[in-house]
């Protein structure tokens, strides 16, 4: 089971970078890692980026 499967039900249809970081228990220093995770989700078609820090679930 991947990371997406673990968190997809806990995220709202539109969510921010900060909400994802809080859900994963990440600190401010981990912002780059969180953005990389979101980029992977975006590339795989699970989410769409709607602004700098806001994302929308697609699946």
Protein backbone atom coordinates (compact mmCIF):
# COMPACT_ATOMS: atom_id res chain seq x y z
CA UNK A 1 0.00 0.00 0.00
CA UNK A 2 1.47 3.31 -1.05
CA UNK A 3 1.47 6.69 0.62
CA UNK A 4 -1.41 7.94 -1.57
CA UNK A 5 -3.65 5.06 -0.48
CA UNK A 6 -2.93 5.87 3.17
CA UNK A 7 -3.79 9.58 2.97
CA UNK A 8 -6.30 10.04 0.13
CA UNK A 9 -9.39 9.55 2.32
CA UNK A 10 -8.15 12.03 4.92
CA UNK A 11 -7.58 14.84 2.41
CA UNK A 12 -10.46 17.07 1.32
CA UNK A 13 -11.19 17.51 -2.39
CA UNK A 14 -9.04 20.66 -2.35
CA UNK A 15 -6.13 20.89 0.06
CA UNK A 16 -3.01 22.92 0.71
CA UNK A 17 0.63 22.03 1.06
CA UNK A 18 0.40 22.84 4.77
CA UNK A 19 -2.57 20.49 5.27
CA UNK A 20 -0.61 17.66 3.66
CA UNK A 21 2.40 18.40 5.84
CA UNK A 22 0.25 18.36 9.00
CA UNK A 23 -1.36 15.08 7.94
CA UNK A 24 2.06 13.49 7.42
CA UNK A 25 3.54 15.01 10.60
CA UNK A 26 6.16 17.02 8.71
CA UNK A 27 7.97 20.11 9.99
CA UNK A 28 8.62 23.39 8.17
CA UNK A 29 12.08 22.09 7.25
CA UNK A 30 10.42 19.27 5.27
CA UNK A 31 8.60 21.62 2.88
CA UNK A 32 10.80 20.67 -0.09
CA UNK A 33 10.16 16.96 0.52
CA UNK A 34 6.40 17.63 0.73
CA UNK A 35 6.51 19.54 -2.58
CA UNK A 36 8.38 16.61 -4.16
CA UNK A 37 5.69 14.21 -2.94
CA UNK A 38 2.97 16.47 -4.37
CA UNK A 39 4.87 16.70 -7.66
CA UNK A 40 4.93 12.89 -7.86
CA UNK A 41 1.18 12.74 -7.18
CA UNK A 42 0.62 15.41 -9.85
CA UNK A 43 2.76 13.57 -12.41
CA UNK A 44 0.92 10.30 -11.78
CA UNK A 45 -2.48 11.99 -12.27
CA UNK A 46 -3.75 11.69 -8.70
CA UNK A 47 -3.93 15.46 -8.07
CA UNK A 48 -3.87 18.73 -10.00
CA UNK A 49 -2.10 21.88 -8.89
CA UNK A 50 -4.52 24.82 -8.83
CA UNK A 51 -2.20 27.46 -7.33
CA UNK A 52 1.20 27.69 -5.66
CA UNK A 53 0.12 25.93 -2.47
CA UNK A 54 -3.31 24.49 -3.38
CA UNK A 55 -4.10 21.15 -4.96
CA UNK A 56 -7.23 19.24 -6.05
CA UNK A 57 -7.74 15.47 -5.89
CA UNK A 58 -8.59 13.89 -9.25
CA UNK A 59 -9.15 10.26 -8.27
